[in-house]
Amino acid sequence: MPIYEYVTEAPDDPERSCRICRRGFELRRPANREALVMCLLCKHPVKKVISQVNTPRIAKPLSVSDAKKAGFTILEKRDEGVYEKL
């Protein structure tokens, strides 16, 4: 389930929002549900905020020995349509 971030539409107006939606909050919701339009506590309008995406970072390409240790089969092309297992 993805995590969505929400914040109030009126951050400068403390009378229109509670302390939770003024600071912003995260909510786990199924992807097929519609976005929230109201704070769950104070019922004032909130908007969905675009957050950072977590992507894995690989510092260097994997070597042949690293791939073999991980259980992959390594093939090298010898001729037209002919591959040899290393």
Protein backbone atom coordinates (compact mmCIF):
# COMPACT_ATOMS: atom_id res chain seq x y z
CA MET A 1 0.00 0.00 0.00
CA PRO A 2 1.42 3.40 -0.90
CA ILE A 3 1.92 6.17 1.63
CA TYR A 4 0.33 9.51 0.75
CA GLU A 5 1.18 12.86 2.34
CA TYR A 6 -1.47 15.50 3.00
CA VAL A 7 -1.34 19.10 4.22
CA THR A 8 -4.02 21.74 4.82
CA GLU A 9 -5.00 24.07 1.99
CA ALA A 10 -4.88 27.05 4.40
CA PRO A 11 -1.58 26.69 6.32
CA ASP A 12 -1.52 30.35 7.45
CA ASP A 13 -5.03 30.32 8.92
CA PRO A 14 -4.94 28.44 12.28
CA GLU A 15 -8.71 28.78 12.69
CA ARG A 16 -9.33 26.71 9.54
CA SER A 17 -7.09 23.76 10.42
CA CYS A 18 -5.98 21.58 13.31
CA ARG A 19 -2.35 21.13 14.35
CA ILE A 20 -2.18 17.75 12.60
CA CYS A 21 -3.14 18.91 9.11
CA ARG A 22 -1.25 22.19 9.50
CA ARG A 23 2.03 20.27 9.95
CA GLY A 24 1.04 17.63 7.42
CA PHE A 25 0.38 13.94 7.90
CA GLU A 26 1.01 10.64 6.13
CA LEU A 27 -1.65 8.07 5.44
CA ARG A 28 -1.45 4.55 4.04
CA ARG A 29 -4.27 4.00 1.57
CA PRO A 30 -4.93 1.54 -1.24
CA ALA A 31 -4.00 2.92 -4.65
CA ASN A 32 -7.55 2.48 -5.98
CA ARG A 33 -9.09 4.82 -3.36
CA GLU A 34 -9.67 8.49 -4.11
CA ALA A 35 -7.48 11.12 -2.47
CA LEU A 36 -8.68 12.71 0.75
CA VAL A 37 -10.36 16.09 0.44
CA MET A 38 -10.93 16.73 4.18
CA CYS A 39 -8.83 16.27 7.30
CA LEU A 40 -9.95 13.24 9.29
CA LEU A 41 -10.00 15.24 12.56
CA CYS A 42 -11.09 18.82 11.85
CA LYS A 43 -12.91 18.22 8.51
CA HIS A 44 -11.20 21.16 6.80
CA PRO A 45 -9.87 20.91 3.22
CA VAL A 46 -6.53 19.18 2.66
CA LYS A 47 -4.48 18.56 -0.46
CA LYS A 48 -2.19 15.71 -1.44
CA VAL A 49 1.51 16.60 -1.51
CA ILE A 50 3.99 15.04 -3.91
CA SER A 51 6.69 13.36 -1.87
CA GLN A 52 10.10 11.89 -2.61
CA VAL A 53 10.39 8.52 -4.26
CA ASN A 54 12.68 5.92 -2.76
CA THR A 55 14.85 4.37 -5.47
CA PRO A 56 17.71 1.97 -4.92
CA ARG A 57 21.16 3.29 -5.73
CA ILE A 58 23.86 1.07 -7.17
CA ALA A 59 27.30 2.61 -6.93
CA LYS A 60 28.94 0.38 -9.53
CA PRO A 61 27.80 -2.17 -12.11
CA LEU A 62 27.75 -5.74 -10.91
CA SER A 63 30.75 -7.83 -11.89
CA VAL A 64 30.57 -11.37 -13.27
CA SER A 65 31.61 -12.82 -9.92
CA ASP A 66 28.96 -10.77 -8.08
CA ALA A 67 26.30 -12.01 -10.51
CA LYS A 68 27.43 -15.63 -10.03
CA LYS A 69 27.31 -15.24 -6.24
CA ALA A 70 23.76 -13.92 -6.57
CA GLY A 71 22.77 -17.07 -8.49
CA PHE A 72 22.59 -15.72 -12.04
CA THR A 73 23.78 -17.68 -15.07
CA ILE A 74 26.38 -15.76 -17.06
CA LEU A 75 26.45 -16.22 -20.84
CA GLU A 76 28.94 -14.82 -23.33
CA LYS A 77 28.28 -14.53 -27.07
CA ARG A 78 30.73 -16.57 -29.16
CA ASP A 79 29.27 -16.68 -32.68
CA GLU A 80 26.07 -15.66 -34.43
CA GLY A 81 23.35 -17.06 -32.13
CA VAL A 82 25.82 -19.13 -30.06
CA TYR A 83 26.32 -18.38 -26.37
CA GLU A 84 28.72 -20.07 -23.95
CA LYS A 85 28.09 -20.43 -20.24
CA LEU A 86 30.91 -18.91 -18.13
